[in-house]
Amino acid sequence: MAVRPERYADEMAGADSQFNNDKMVIPIIEEEVTIEKHIVPTGKVNITKTVKEIDEIVDVPTYKGEVTVDRIPVNTFVEKHPPIRQEGETMIIPVVQEQIVMVKKLLLVEELHVHNRVVESHHPQTVTLLKEEIEVVRTAQNEHLDNLTKPNADDVSGKSL
């Protein structure tokens, strides 16, 4: 709080003329307050980020197709060329050859049975992954914050524990 002494002195200088016409004039003192804000650092924080490499094993199945061919002998004469057909997962492809006989006929020599299947295999591999870790350290705390939380010696002296 700031008192303005020059204003008070000015009012007191005219105190001789305060008793005019039997009236008393009383000087009034006025106080003024100035409020200011300041930024006060309460401490500092150090943040450290580190990146670590972590090796993990990843086992993802892979698939590939395999085809097997079984040759099945038939050796039967047929009148016309048999069509390619499908029986379940097996495709049957007829193989014919011409033979000379008194009459030309088709001899079904063999059938190829083609089986289609899917084979699953595993190939574990090591993969390097990155992991960030953060460390926060608070340093340089101001003493005025400690004073707010610690009791004064006067407060403690009169109390029994």
N, C-alpha and C. Protein backbone atom coordinates (compact mmCIF):
# COMPACT_ATOMS: atom_id res chain seq x y z
N MET A 1 0.84 -1.18 0.00
CA MET A 1 0.00 0.00 0.00
C MET A 1 0.88 1.23 0.00
N ALA A 2 0.51 2.19 -0.79
CA ALA A 2 1.30 3.40 -0.88
C ALA A 2 0.47 4.60 -0.43
N VAL A 3 0.97 5.33 0.55
CA VAL A 3 0.31 6.56 1.03
C VAL A 3 0.99 7.72 0.33
N ARG A 4 0.22 8.64 -0.13
CA ARG A 4 0.80 9.80 -0.82
C ARG A 4 0.98 10.94 0.18
N PRO A 5 2.18 11.09 0.71
CA PRO A 5 2.40 12.11 1.74
C PRO A 5 2.26 13.54 1.21
N GLU A 6 2.53 13.77 -0.09
CA GLU A 6 2.43 15.13 -0.61
C GLU A 6 0.98 15.62 -0.58
N ARG A 7 0.03 14.74 -0.80
CA ARG A 7 -1.38 15.13 -0.76
C ARG A 7 -1.79 15.46 0.67
N TYR A 8 -1.31 14.65 1.60
CA TYR A 8 -1.61 14.89 3.02
C TYR A 8 -1.01 16.22 3.47
N ALA A 9 0.20 16.53 3.03
CA ALA A 9 0.85 17.78 3.40
C ALA A 9 0.10 18.97 2.84
N ASP A 10 -0.43 18.84 1.61
CA ASP A 10 -1.21 19.93 1.00
C ASP A 10 -2.47 20.20 1.81
N GLU A 11 -3.10 19.16 2.26
CA GLU A 11 -4.34 19.34 3.03
C GLU A 11 -4.05 19.92 4.41
N MET A 12 -2.94 19.56 4.99
CA MET A 12 -2.58 20.07 6.32
C MET A 12 -2.14 21.52 6.24
N ALA A 13 -1.62 21.97 5.11
CA ALA A 13 -1.20 23.37 4.96
C ALA A 13 -2.39 24.30 5.06
N GLY A 14 -3.52 23.84 4.63
CA GLY A 14 -4.72 24.67 4.70
C GLY A 14 -5.48 24.47 5.99
N ALA A 15 -4.88 23.90 6.99
CA ALA A 15 -5.55 23.62 8.26
C ALA A 15 -5.89 24.90 9.02
N ASP A 16 -5.17 26.02 8.78
CA ASP A 16 -5.46 27.27 9.47
C ASP A 16 -6.81 27.81 9.07
N SER A 17 -7.21 27.51 7.85
CA SER A 17 -8.49 28.04 7.38
C SER A 17 -9.60 27.01 7.54
N GLN A 18 -9.39 26.01 8.37
CA GLN A 18 -10.37 24.94 8.53
C GLN A 18 -11.54 25.37 9.40
N PHE A 19 -11.39 26.37 10.21
CA PHE A 19 -12.46 26.75 11.14
C PHE A 19 -13.16 27.99 10.67
N ASN A 20 -13.62 28.04 9.47
CA ASN A 20 -14.37 29.18 8.95
C ASN A 20 -15.82 29.02 9.30
N ASN A 21 -16.42 30.07 9.75
CA ASN A 21 -17.85 30.14 10.05
C ASN A 21 -18.26 29.06 11.03
N ASP A 22 -17.47 28.79 11.99
CA ASP A 22 -17.73 27.82 13.05
C ASP A 22 -17.96 26.41 12.52
N LYS A 23 -17.47 26.15 11.40
CA LYS A 23 -17.54 24.79 10.88
C LYS A 23 -16.13 24.23 10.86
N MET A 24 -16.07 23.01 11.21
CA MET A 24 -14.78 22.36 11.25
C MET A 24 -14.59 21.54 9.97
N VAL A 25 -13.47 21.70 9.32
CA VAL A 25 -13.17 20.94 8.12
C VAL A 25 -12.10 19.91 8.50
N ILE A 26 -12.40 18.64 8.25
CA ILE A 26 -11.47 17.57 8.60
C ILE A 26 -10.86 17.04 7.30
N PRO A 27 -9.54 17.04 7.23
CA PRO A 27 -8.93 16.51 6.02
C PRO A 27 -9.09 14.99 5.96
N ILE A 28 -9.28 14.47 4.75
CA ILE A 28 -9.44 13.03 4.53
C ILE A 28 -8.16 12.51 3.89
N ILE A 29 -7.69 11.44 4.47
CA ILE A 29 -6.48 10.81 3.93
C ILE A 29 -6.92 9.65 3.05
N GLU A 30 -6.32 9.55 1.91
CA GLU A 30 -6.67 8.50 0.96
C GLU A 30 -5.44 7.64 0.70
N GLU A 31 -5.64 6.32 0.74
CA GLU A 31 -4.57 5.40 0.43
C GLU A 31 -4.88 4.73 -0.91
N GLU A 32 -3.85 4.44 -1.65
CA GLU A 32 -4.03 3.77 -2.92
C GLU A 32 -3.21 2.48 -2.91
N VAL A 33 -3.73 1.50 -3.58
CA VAL A 33 -3.06 0.20 -3.68
C VAL A 33 -2.71 -0.06 -5.15
N THR A 34 -1.50 -0.53 -5.36
CA THR A 34 -1.07 -0.92 -6.70
C THR A 34 -0.81 -2.43 -6.67
N ILE A 35 -1.48 -3.13 -7.57
CA ILE A 35 -1.32 -4.59 -7.63
C ILE A 35 -0.57 -4.92 -8.91
N GLU A 36 0.47 -5.70 -8.76
CA GLU A 36 1.25 -6.13 -9.91
C GLU A 36 1.38 -7.64 -9.89
N LYS A 37 1.47 -8.19 -11.07
CA LYS A 37 1.69 -9.63 -11.20
C LYS A 37 3.08 -9.85 -11.76
N HIS A 38 3.75 -10.87 -11.20
CA HIS A 38 5.07 -11.26 -11.68
C HIS A 38 5.05 -12.75 -11.97
N ILE A 39 5.74 -13.14 -12.99
CA ILE A 39 5.90 -14.57 -13.28
C ILE A 39 7.04 -15.08 -12.42
N VAL A 40 6.73 -16.06 -11.59
CA VAL A 40 7.72 -16.63 -10.68
C VAL A 40 7.90 -18.10 -11.06
N PRO A 41 9.09 -18.46 -11.53
CA PRO A 41 9.29 -19.88 -11.86
C PRO A 41 9.27 -20.72 -10.59
N THR A 42 8.54 -21.82 -10.64
CA THR A 42 8.44 -22.70 -9.47
C THR A 42 9.40 -23.87 -9.54
N GLY A 43 10.02 -24.06 -10.65
CA GLY A 43 10.96 -25.15 -10.78
C GLY A 43 11.23 -25.43 -12.25
N LYS A 44 12.06 -26.40 -12.49
CA LYS A 44 12.39 -26.79 -13.86
C LYS A 44 12.17 -28.28 -14.00
N VAL A 45 11.86 -28.67 -15.21
CA VAL A 45 11.65 -30.08 -15.51
C VAL A 45 12.57 -30.47 -16.66
N ASN A 46 13.35 -31.51 -16.45
CA ASN A 46 14.18 -32.07 -17.52
C ASN A 46 13.49 -33.32 -18.04
N ILE A 47 13.25 -33.36 -19.34
CA ILE A 47 12.61 -34.52 -19.96
C ILE A 47 13.63 -35.17 -20.89
N THR A 48 13.84 -36.46 -20.69
CA THR A 48 14.79 -37.21 -21.50
C THR A 48 14.04 -38.33 -22.22
N LYS A 49 14.22 -38.39 -23.53
CA LYS A 49 13.58 -39.45 -24.32
C LYS A 49 14.69 -40.35 -24.87
N THR A 50 14.54 -41.64 -24.65
CA THR A 50 15.48 -42.61 -25.19
C THR A 50 14.71 -43.59 -26.07
N VAL A 51 15.37 -44.06 -27.09
CA VAL A 51 14.76 -45.03 -28.00
C VAL A 51 15.53 -46.34 -27.85
N LYS A 52 14.81 -47.40 -27.54
CA LYS A 52 15.42 -48.72 -27.38
C LYS A 52 14.97 -49.61 -28.52
N GLU A 53 15.84 -50.50 -28.91
CA GLU A 53 15.51 -51.49 -29.93
C GLU A 53 15.19 -52.80 -29.24
N ILE A 54 14.05 -53.37 -29.58
CA ILE A 54 13.60 -54.62 -28.98
C ILE A 54 13.46 -55.64 -30.10
N ASP A 55 14.07 -56.81 -29.94
CA ASP A 55 13.95 -57.87 -30.94
C ASP A 55 12.81 -58.80 -30.53
N GLU A 56 11.87 -58.99 -31.42
CA GLU A 56 10.75 -59.90 -31.19
C GLU A 56 10.70 -60.91 -32.31
N ILE A 57 10.27 -62.12 -31.97
CA ILE A 57 10.13 -63.17 -32.98
C ILE A 57 8.70 -63.15 -33.48
N VAL A 58 8.56 -63.03 -34.78
CA VAL A 58 7.25 -63.00 -35.43
C VAL A 58 7.11 -64.27 -36.24
N ASP A 59 6.04 -65.04 -35.97
CA ASP A 59 5.81 -66.29 -36.69
C ASP A 59 4.49 -66.17 -37.44
N VAL A 60 4.58 -65.79 -38.70
CA VAL A 60 3.39 -65.65 -39.54
C VAL A 60 3.38 -66.83 -40.52
N PRO A 61 2.29 -67.58 -40.56
CA PRO A 61 2.27 -68.73 -41.49
C PRO A 61 2.23 -68.26 -42.94
N THR A 62 2.95 -68.99 -43.77
CA THR A 62 2.92 -68.74 -45.22
C THR A 62 2.30 -69.96 -45.89
N TYR A 63 1.69 -69.73 -47.02
CA TYR A 63 1.00 -70.81 -47.71
C TYR A 63 1.54 -70.90 -49.13
N LYS A 64 1.64 -72.14 -49.63
CA LYS A 64 2.03 -72.33 -51.02
C LYS A 64 1.22 -73.51 -51.55
N GLY A 65 0.97 -73.47 -52.81
CA GLY A 65 0.22 -74.55 -53.44
C GLY A 65 1.15 -75.61 -53.99
N GLU A 66 0.79 -76.85 -53.83
CA GLU A 66 1.56 -77.96 -54.40
C GLU A 66 0.63 -78.78 -55.29
N VAL A 67 1.14 -79.25 -56.40
CA VAL A 67 0.38 -80.07 -57.32
C VAL A 67 1.08 -81.42 -57.45
N THR A 68 0.34 -82.49 -57.28
CA THR A 68 0.90 -83.83 -57.51
C THR A 68 0.13 -84.45 -58.67
N VAL A 69 0.82 -85.21 -59.47
CA VAL A 69 0.22 -85.86 -60.63
C VAL A 69 0.40 -87.37 -60.47
N ASP A 70 -0.73 -88.07 -60.45
CA ASP A 70 -0.71 -89.53 -60.41
C ASP A 70 -1.09 -90.04 -61.80
N ARG A 71 -0.27 -90.93 -62.38
CA ARG A 71 -0.56 -91.50 -63.70
C ARG A 71 -1.27 -92.84 -63.47
N ILE A 72 -2.54 -92.90 -63.87
CA ILE A 72 -3.36 -94.09 -63.68
C ILE A 72 -3.56 -94.77 -65.05
N PRO A 73 -2.98 -95.98 -65.27
CA PRO A 73 -3.17 -96.67 -66.56
C PRO A 73 -4.62 -97.16 -66.71
N VAL A 74 -5.21 -96.94 -67.93
CA VAL A 74 -6.59 -97.37 -68.19
C VAL A 74 -6.62 -98.42 -69.31
N ASN A 75 -5.96 -98.17 -70.45
CA ASN A 75 -5.87 -99.10 -71.60
C ASN A 75 -7.24 -99.63 -72.01
N THR A 76 -8.11 -98.73 -72.31
CA THR A 76 -9.46 -99.09 -72.77
C THR A 76 -9.72 -98.34 -74.07
N PHE A 77 -10.35 -99.02 -75.06
CA PHE A 77 -10.72 -98.36 -76.31
C PHE A 77 -11.98 -97.54 -76.05
N VAL A 78 -12.00 -96.32 -76.63
CA VAL A 78 -13.17 -95.44 -76.49
C VAL A 78 -13.59 -94.99 -77.87
N GLU A 79 -14.81 -94.57 -78.01
CA GLU A 79 -15.35 -94.14 -79.30
C GLU A 79 -14.95 -92.70 -79.63
N LYS A 80 -14.90 -91.83 -78.61
CA LYS A 80 -14.54 -90.43 -78.85
C LYS A 80 -13.63 -89.96 -77.71
N HIS A 81 -13.03 -88.83 -77.93
CA HIS A 81 -12.10 -88.28 -76.95
C HIS A 81 -12.87 -87.86 -75.70
N PRO A 82 -12.53 -88.44 -74.50
CA PRO A 82 -13.24 -88.07 -73.27
C PRO A 82 -12.88 -86.63 -72.83
N PRO A 83 -13.85 -85.92 -72.25
CA PRO A 83 -13.57 -84.53 -71.83
C PRO A 83 -12.78 -84.50 -70.50
N ILE A 84 -12.18 -83.36 -70.23
CA ILE A 84 -11.52 -83.15 -68.92
C ILE A 84 -12.64 -82.98 -67.89
N ARG A 85 -12.48 -83.64 -66.72
CA ARG A 85 -13.55 -83.56 -65.71
C ARG A 85 -12.95 -83.29 -64.33
N GLN A 86 -13.83 -82.89 -63.40
CA GLN A 86 -13.43 -82.58 -62.03
C GLN A 86 -14.18 -83.51 -61.09
N GLU A 87 -13.46 -84.19 -60.20
CA GLU A 87 -14.07 -85.04 -59.19
C GLU A 87 -13.54 -84.58 -57.83
N GLY A 88 -14.35 -83.80 -57.09
CA GLY A 88 -13.90 -83.22 -55.82
C GLY A 88 -12.79 -82.23 -56.07
N GLU A 89 -11.66 -82.43 -55.45
CA GLU A 89 -10.51 -81.54 -55.65
C GLU A 89 -9.55 -82.09 -56.71
N THR A 90 -9.94 -83.16 -57.38
CA THR A 90 -9.07 -83.81 -58.37
C THR A 90 -9.57 -83.50 -59.78
N MET A 91 -8.66 -83.00 -60.62
CA MET A 91 -8.96 -82.77 -62.02
C MET A 91 -8.43 -83.96 -62.80
N ILE A 92 -9.26 -84.55 -63.69
CA ILE A 92 -8.88 -85.74 -64.46
C ILE A 92 -8.73 -85.32 -65.92
N ILE A 93 -7.52 -85.54 -66.45
CA ILE A 93 -7.21 -85.18 -67.84
C ILE A 93 -6.94 -86.49 -68.59
N PRO A 94 -7.82 -86.88 -69.55
CA PRO A 94 -7.59 -88.12 -70.31
C PRO A 94 -6.46 -87.93 -71.34
N VAL A 95 -5.68 -88.98 -71.51
CA VAL A 95 -4.60 -88.98 -72.51
C VAL A 95 -4.91 -90.13 -73.47
N VAL A 96 -5.01 -89.79 -74.76
CA VAL A 96 -5.36 -90.82 -75.76
C VAL A 96 -4.24 -90.93 -76.81
N GLN A 97 -4.23 -92.05 -77.48
CA GLN A 97 -3.33 -92.22 -78.62
C GLN A 97 -4.08 -93.02 -79.68
N GLU A 98 -3.72 -92.74 -80.90
CA GLU A 98 -4.34 -93.50 -81.99
C GLU A 98 -3.51 -94.75 -82.25
N GLN A 99 -4.24 -95.84 -82.51
CA GLN A 99 -3.59 -97.10 -82.87
C GLN A 99 -4.24 -97.63 -84.14
N ILE A 100 -3.42 -98.27 -84.92
CA ILE A 100 -3.94 -98.82 -86.15
C ILE A 100 -4.37 -100.25 -85.87
N VAL A 101 -5.60 -100.44 -86.12
CA VAL A 101 -6.21 -101.77 -86.03
C VAL A 101 -7.00 -101.88 -87.33
N MET A 102 -7.47 -102.94 -87.62
CA MET A 102 -8.24 -103.02 -88.84
C MET A 102 -9.21 -101.87 -88.92
N VAL A 103 -9.62 -101.49 -87.78
CA VAL A 103 -10.49 -100.32 -87.69
C VAL A 103 -9.77 -99.36 -86.74
N LYS A 104 -9.85 -98.14 -87.09
CA LYS A 104 -9.19 -97.15 -86.23
C LYS A 104 -10.07 -96.89 -85.03
N LYS A 105 -9.51 -97.10 -83.81
CA LYS A 105 -10.24 -96.88 -82.57
C LYS A 105 -9.33 -96.09 -81.62
N LEU A 106 -9.94 -95.48 -80.65
CA LEU A 106 -9.18 -94.75 -79.61
C LEU A 106 -8.96 -95.67 -78.42
N LEU A 107 -7.73 -95.75 -77.99
CA LEU A 107 -7.38 -96.54 -76.82
C LEU A 107 -7.08 -95.54 -75.70
N LEU A 108 -7.86 -95.59 -74.64
CA LEU A 108 -7.59 -94.74 -73.47
C LEU A 108 -6.42 -95.36 -72.74
N VAL A 109 -5.28 -94.75 -72.91
CA VAL A 109 -4.05 -95.30 -72.39
C VAL A 109 -3.94 -95.05 -70.88
N GLU A 110 -4.18 -93.84 -70.46
CA GLU A 110 -4.07 -93.52 -69.04
C GLU A 110 -4.85 -92.26 -68.73
N GLU A 111 -5.04 -91.98 -67.45
CA GLU A 111 -5.63 -90.73 -66.98
C GLU A 111 -4.64 -90.10 -66.01
N LEU A 112 -4.55 -88.84 -66.12
CA LEU A 112 -3.72 -88.10 -65.15
C LEU A 112 -4.64 -87.55 -64.08
N HIS A 113 -4.44 -87.94 -62.87
CA HIS A 113 -5.22 -87.41 -61.74
C HIS A 113 -4.37 -86.32 -61.07
N VAL A 114 -4.83 -85.08 -61.18
CA VAL A 114 -4.09 -83.93 -60.65
C VAL A 114 -4.76 -83.51 -59.34
N HIS A 115 -4.02 -83.58 -58.25
CA HIS A 115 -4.53 -83.21 -56.93
C HIS A 115 -3.95 -81.84 -56.55
N ASN A 116 -4.82 -80.98 -56.05
CA ASN A 116 -4.39 -79.66 -55.64
C ASN A 116 -4.58 -79.55 -54.13
N ARG A 117 -3.55 -79.15 -53.39
CA ARG A 117 -3.67 -79.02 -51.94
C ARG A 117 -2.87 -77.79 -51.49
N VAL A 118 -3.18 -77.30 -50.31
CA VAL A 118 -2.50 -76.14 -49.74
C VAL A 118 -1.66 -76.62 -48.56
N VAL A 119 -0.40 -76.23 -48.55
CA VAL A 119 0.52 -76.64 -47.50
C VAL A 119 0.89 -75.40 -46.68
N GLU A 120 0.74 -75.49 -45.35
CA GLU A 120 1.10 -74.39 -44.47
C GLU A 120 2.47 -74.66 -43.87
N SER A 121 3.31 -73.63 -43.88
CA SER A 121 4.63 -73.77 -43.26
C SER A 121 4.91 -72.53 -42.44
N HIS A 122 5.74 -72.66 -41.42
CA HIS A 122 6.08 -71.55 -40.54
C HIS A 122 7.57 -71.25 -40.66
N HIS A 123 7.88 -69.96 -40.75
CA HIS A 123 9.27 -69.51 -40.84
C HIS A 123 9.45 -68.35 -39.86
N PRO A 124 9.73 -68.66 -38.57
CA PRO A 124 9.91 -67.57 -37.59
C PRO A 124 11.08 -66.68 -37.97
N GLN A 125 10.88 -65.37 -37.83
CA GLN A 125 11.91 -64.40 -38.14
C GLN A 125 12.00 -63.40 -37.00
N THR A 126 13.19 -62.86 -36.77
CA THR A 126 13.39 -61.85 -35.73
C THR A 126 13.21 -60.48 -36.35
N VAL A 127 12.34 -59.67 -35.73
CA VAL A 127 12.04 -58.33 -36.21
C VAL A 127 12.46 -57.34 -35.12
N THR A 128 13.14 -56.26 -35.50
CA THR A 128 13.56 -55.24 -34.53
C THR A 128 12.50 -54.15 -34.47
N LEU A 129 11.99 -53.89 -33.25
CA LEU A 129 10.99 -52.86 -33.02
C LEU A 129 11.61 -51.75 -32.18
N LEU A 130 11.15 -50.51 -32.35
CA LEU A 130 11.64 -49.38 -31.58
C LEU A 130 10.64 -49.05 -30.48
N LYS A 131 11.16 -48.72 -29.30
CA LYS A 131 10.30 -48.37 -28.16
C LYS A 131 10.87 -47.10 -27.53
N GLU A 132 10.04 -46.06 -27.40
CA GLU A 132 10.48 -44.82 -26.79
C GLU A 132 10.13 -44.84 -25.30
N GLU A 133 11.07 -44.37 -24.48
CA GLU A 133 10.85 -44.26 -23.04
C GLU A 133 11.16 -42.83 -22.63
N ILE A 134 10.33 -42.28 -21.74
CA ILE A 134 10.45 -40.90 -21.31
C ILE A 134 10.78 -40.87 -19.82
N GLU A 135 11.77 -40.05 -19.42
CA GLU A 135 12.11 -39.86 -18.02
C GLU A 135 11.92 -38.38 -17.71
N VAL A 136 11.14 -38.07 -16.66
CA VAL A 136 10.87 -36.70 -16.27
C VAL A 136 11.50 -36.47 -14.90
N VAL A 137 12.40 -35.46 -14.80
CA VAL A 137 13.09 -35.14 -13.55
C VAL A 137 12.82 -33.67 -13.23
N ARG A 138 12.23 -33.39 -12.05
CA ARG A 138 11.97 -32.02 -11.63
C ARG A 138 13.18 -31.54 -10.83
N THR A 139 13.71 -30.33 -11.20
CA THR A 139 14.90 -29.79 -10.53
C THR A 139 14.67 -28.33 -10.19
N ALA A 140 15.55 -27.78 -9.34
CA ALA A 140 15.62 -26.35 -9.01
C ALA A 140 14.29 -25.79 -8.53
N GLN A 141 13.71 -26.37 -7.46
CA GLN A 141 12.48 -25.80 -6.91
C GLN A 141 12.82 -24.58 -6.08
N ASN A 142 11.96 -23.56 -6.11
CA ASN A 142 12.22 -22.32 -5.39
C ASN A 142 11.95 -22.49 -3.90
N GLU A 143 12.69 -21.70 -3.08
CA GLU A 143 12.55 -21.79 -1.64
C GLU A 143 11.21 -21.26 -1.17
N HIS A 144 10.63 -20.28 -1.87
CA HIS A 144 9.37 -19.70 -1.39
C HIS A 144 8.24 -20.74 -1.42
N LEU A 145 8.35 -21.77 -2.25
CA LEU A 145 7.34 -22.83 -2.25
C LEU A 145 7.50 -23.70 -1.01
N ASP A 146 8.75 -23.93 -0.59
CA ASP A 146 8.98 -24.72 0.62
C ASP A 146 8.48 -23.98 1.84
N ASN A 147 8.61 -22.67 1.87
CA ASN A 147 8.15 -21.88 3.02
C ASN A 147 6.64 -21.94 3.17
N LEU A 148 5.94 -22.08 2.08
CA LEU A 148 4.47 -22.16 2.16
C LEU A 148 4.01 -23.46 2.79
N THR A 149 4.78 -24.50 2.64
CA THR A 149 4.35 -25.81 3.15
C THR A 149 4.94 -26.14 4.50
N LYS A 150 6.03 -25.46 4.95
CA LYS A 150 6.66 -25.74 6.24
C LYS A 150 6.07 -24.83 7.31
N PRO A 151 5.77 -25.33 8.52
CA PRO A 151 5.25 -24.47 9.58
C PRO A 151 6.37 -23.59 10.14
N ASN A 152 5.98 -22.40 10.60
CA ASN A 152 6.95 -21.49 11.22
C ASN A 152 7.30 -21.99 12.60
N ALA A 153 8.42 -21.52 13.14
CA ALA A 153 8.86 -21.89 14.48
C ALA A 153 7.85 -21.39 15.53
N ASP A 154 7.22 -20.23 15.26
CA ASP A 154 6.22 -19.67 16.19
C ASP A 154 4.99 -20.57 16.26
N ASP A 155 4.62 -21.16 15.14
CA ASP A 155 3.41 -21.99 15.09
C ASP A 155 3.62 -23.29 15.86
N VAL A 156 4.84 -23.77 15.89
CA VAL A 156 5.13 -25.07 16.47
C VAL A 156 5.43 -24.95 17.98
N SER A 157 5.99 -23.83 18.40
CA SER A 157 6.49 -23.72 19.78
C SER A 157 5.40 -23.86 20.83
N GLY A 158 4.21 -23.36 20.58
CA GLY A 158 3.16 -23.41 21.59
C GLY A 158 2.39 -24.70 21.60
N LYS A 159 2.60 -25.57 20.68
CA LYS A 159 1.80 -26.80 20.57
C LYS A 159 2.55 -27.97 21.13
N SER A 160 1.82 -28.87 21.80
CA SER A 160 2.44 -30.07 22.30
C SER A 160 2.19 -31.22 21.35
N LEU A 161 3.15 -32.07 21.24
CA LEU A 161 3.02 -33.19 20.29
C LEU A 161 2.53 -34.39 20.96
